[in-house]
Amino acid sequence: MFILTLQDEEVHKGRFYSRCRQMWARRPLKRYMNSFGAIRRTLKYFESQANKHHIPVIENIDVTTTIDSIIENITKTYGSEEDVKEDKS
């Protein structure tokens, strides 16, 4: 399990602007912006609980960087492909 976060509030707001310009967006931007403070407080709560329970918190900068961070964490925790032994049974 991982928690994704965005420390920069302006970047976080920008994600909502981008999302709401998409044809598939069902919620209007105003709804997100009116709730932005609550969204940030919820995110901070999730982060605090993740830290308390030793769940990795990953800065969600962009898709590639985020996936790289997740893979790096999994590899450090569980080992890499080279660490997996072939079952001889």
C-alpha atoms as a PDB file:
ATOM      1  CA  MET A   1       0.000   0.000   0.000  1.00  0.00           C
ATOM      2  CA  PHE A   2       1.150   3.525  -0.752  1.00  0.00           C
ATOM      3  CA  ILE A   3      -0.197   7.013  -0.132  1.00  0.00           C
ATOM      4  CA  LEU A   4       0.282   9.501  -2.964  1.00  0.00           C
ATOM      5  CA  THR A   5       0.593  13.141  -2.025  1.00  0.00           C
ATOM      6  CA  LEU A   6       1.295  16.567  -3.467  1.00  0.00           C
ATOM      7  CA  GLN A   7       3.028  18.981  -1.123  1.00  0.00           C
ATOM      8  CA  ASP A   8       2.641  21.963  -3.462  1.00  0.00           C
ATOM      9  CA  GLU A   9      -0.921  23.273  -3.139  1.00  0.00           C
ATOM     10  CA  GLU A  10      -0.763  25.183  -6.420  1.00  0.00           C
ATOM     11  CA  VAL A  11       0.261  22.051  -8.320  1.00  0.00           C
ATOM     12  CA  HIS A  12      -2.563  20.203  -6.563  1.00  0.00           C
ATOM     13  CA  LYS A  13      -5.078  22.860  -7.654  1.00  0.00           C
ATOM     14  CA  GLY A  14      -3.668  22.658 -11.178  1.00  0.00           C
ATOM     15  CA  ARG A  15      -4.543  18.959 -11.280  1.00  0.00           C
ATOM     16  CA  PHE A  16      -8.185  19.820 -10.653  1.00  0.00           C
ATOM     17  CA  TYR A  17      -8.115  22.465 -13.389  1.00  0.00           C
ATOM     18  CA  SER A  18      -6.686  19.899 -15.810  1.00  0.00           C
ATOM     19  CA  ARG A  19      -9.133  17.192 -14.746  1.00  0.00           C
ATOM     20  CA  CYS A  20     -12.175  19.431 -15.111  1.00  0.00           C
ATOM     21  CA  ARG A  21     -11.248  20.351 -18.690  1.00  0.00           C
ATOM     22  CA  GLN A  22     -11.574  16.708 -19.734  1.00  0.00           C
ATOM     23  CA  MET A  23     -14.756  15.549 -21.441  1.00  0.00           C
ATOM     24  CA  TRP A  24     -15.175  12.704 -18.929  1.00  0.00           C
ATOM     25  CA  ALA A  25     -15.120  15.039 -15.909  1.00  0.00           C
ATOM     26  CA  ARG A  26     -18.387  14.771 -14.029  1.00  0.00           C
ATOM     27  CA  ARG A  27     -17.810  17.267 -11.258  1.00  0.00           C
ATOM     28  CA  PRO A  28     -17.438  20.973 -11.922  1.00  0.00           C
ATOM     29  CA  LEU A  29     -14.212  22.761 -10.952  1.00  0.00           C
ATOM     30  CA  LYS A  30     -16.128  24.985  -8.550  1.00  0.00           C
ATOM     31  CA  ARG A  31     -17.044  21.963  -6.442  1.00  0.00           C
ATOM     32  CA  TYR A  32     -13.368  21.004  -6.041  1.00  0.00           C
ATOM     33  CA  MET A  33     -12.252  24.553  -5.343  1.00  0.00           C
ATOM     34  CA  ASN A  34     -15.000  25.074  -2.747  1.00  0.00           C
ATOM     35  CA  SER A  35     -13.811  21.903  -1.000  1.00  0.00           C
ATOM     36  CA  PHE A  36     -10.082  22.369  -1.532  1.00  0.00           C
ATOM     37  CA  GLY A  37      -9.332  23.104   2.141  1.00  0.00           C
ATOM     38  CA  ALA A  38     -11.140  19.947   3.221  1.00  0.00           C
ATOM     39  CA  ILE A  39      -9.394  17.941   0.493  1.00  0.00           C
ATOM     40  CA  ARG A  40      -5.991  19.154   1.746  1.00  0.00           C
ATOM     41  CA  ARG A  41      -6.875  18.394   5.384  1.00  0.00           C
ATOM     42  CA  THR A  42      -7.977  14.896   4.367  1.00  0.00           C
ATOM     43  CA  LEU A  43      -4.736  14.373   2.456  1.00  0.00           C
ATOM     44  CA  LYS A  44      -2.696  15.523   5.493  1.00  0.00           C
ATOM     45  CA  TYR A  45      -4.653  13.115   7.691  1.00  0.00           C
ATOM     46  CA  PHE A  46      -3.957  10.226   5.301  1.00  0.00           C
ATOM     47  CA  GLU A  47      -0.265  11.161   5.310  1.00  0.00           C
ATOM     48  CA  SER A  48      -0.131  11.251   9.118  1.00  0.00           C
ATOM     49  CA  GLN A  49      -1.811   7.850   9.371  1.00  0.00           C
ATOM     50  CA  ALA A  50       0.514   6.405   6.728  1.00  0.00           C
ATOM     51  CA  ASN A  51       3.544   7.672   8.644  1.00  0.00           C
ATOM     52  CA  LYS A  52       2.132   6.316  11.907  1.00  0.00           C
ATOM     53  CA  HIS A  53       1.638   2.860  10.353  1.00  0.00           C
ATOM     54  CA  HIS A  54       4.878   2.854   8.298  1.00  0.00           C
ATOM     55  CA  ILE A  55       3.131   3.054   4.937  1.00  0.00           C
ATOM     56  CA  PRO A  56       5.206   4.796   2.250  1.00  0.00           C
ATOM     57  CA  VAL A  57       4.103   8.309   1.282  1.00  0.00           C
ATOM     58  CA  ILE A  58       5.116   9.126  -2.290  1.00  0.00           C
ATOM     59  CA  GLU A  59       5.192  12.579  -3.837  1.00  0.00           C
ATOM     60  CA  ASN A  60       3.001  12.322  -6.949  1.00  0.00           C
ATOM     61  CA  ILE A  61       4.990  14.638  -9.190  1.00  0.00           C
ATOM     62  CA  ASP A  62       4.183  12.913 -12.476  1.00  0.00           C
ATOM     63  CA  VAL A  63       3.218   9.407 -13.579  1.00  0.00           C
ATOM     64  CA  THR A  64       6.727   8.264 -14.511  1.00  0.00           C
ATOM     65  CA  THR A  65       8.403   9.556 -11.346  1.00  0.00           C
ATOM     66  CA  THR A  66       5.620   8.171  -9.161  1.00  0.00           C
ATOM     67  CA  ILE A  67       5.795   4.706 -10.736  1.00  0.00           C
ATOM     68  CA  ASP A  68       9.599   4.736 -10.447  1.00  0.00           C
ATOM     69  CA  SER A  69       9.295   5.588  -6.741  1.00  0.00           C
ATOM     70  CA  ILE A  70       6.804   2.785  -6.164  1.00  0.00           C
ATOM     71  CA  ILE A  71       8.983   0.243  -7.987  1.00  0.00           C
ATOM     72  CA  GLU A  72      12.046   1.398  -6.053  1.00  0.00           C
ATOM     73  CA  ASN A  73      10.175   1.001  -2.762  1.00  0.00           C
ATOM     74  CA  ILE A  74       8.930  -2.479  -3.664  1.00  0.00           C
ATOM     75  CA  THR A  75      12.406  -3.532  -4.772  1.00  0.00           C
ATOM     76  CA  LYS A  76      13.965  -2.278  -1.522  1.00  0.00           C
ATOM     77  CA  THR A  77      11.288  -4.003   0.546  1.00  0.00           C
ATOM     78  CA  TYR A  78      10.932  -7.322  -1.266  1.00  0.00           C
ATOM     79  CA  GLY A  79      14.048  -7.590  -3.401  1.00  0.00           C
ATOM     80  CA  SER A  80      14.612  -7.435  -7.100  1.00  0.00           C
ATOM     81  CA  GLU A  81      14.135  -9.954  -9.860  1.00  0.00           C
ATOM     82  CA  GLU A  82      17.633 -11.285  -9.167  1.00  0.00           C
ATOM     83  CA  ASP A  83      16.581 -12.045  -5.571  1.00  0.00           C
ATOM     84  CA  VAL A  84      13.815 -14.398  -6.680  1.00  0.00           C
ATOM     85  CA  LYS A  85      14.955 -18.021  -6.736  1.00  0.00           C
ATOM     86  CA  GLU A  86      13.601 -20.481  -9.282  1.00  0.00           C
ATOM     87  CA  ASP A  87      11.428 -23.181  -7.746  1.00  0.00           C
ATOM     88  CA  LYS A  88      13.091 -26.543  -8.539  1.00  0.00           C
ATOM     89  CA  SER A  89      10.128 -28.771  -7.570  1.00  0.00           C
END
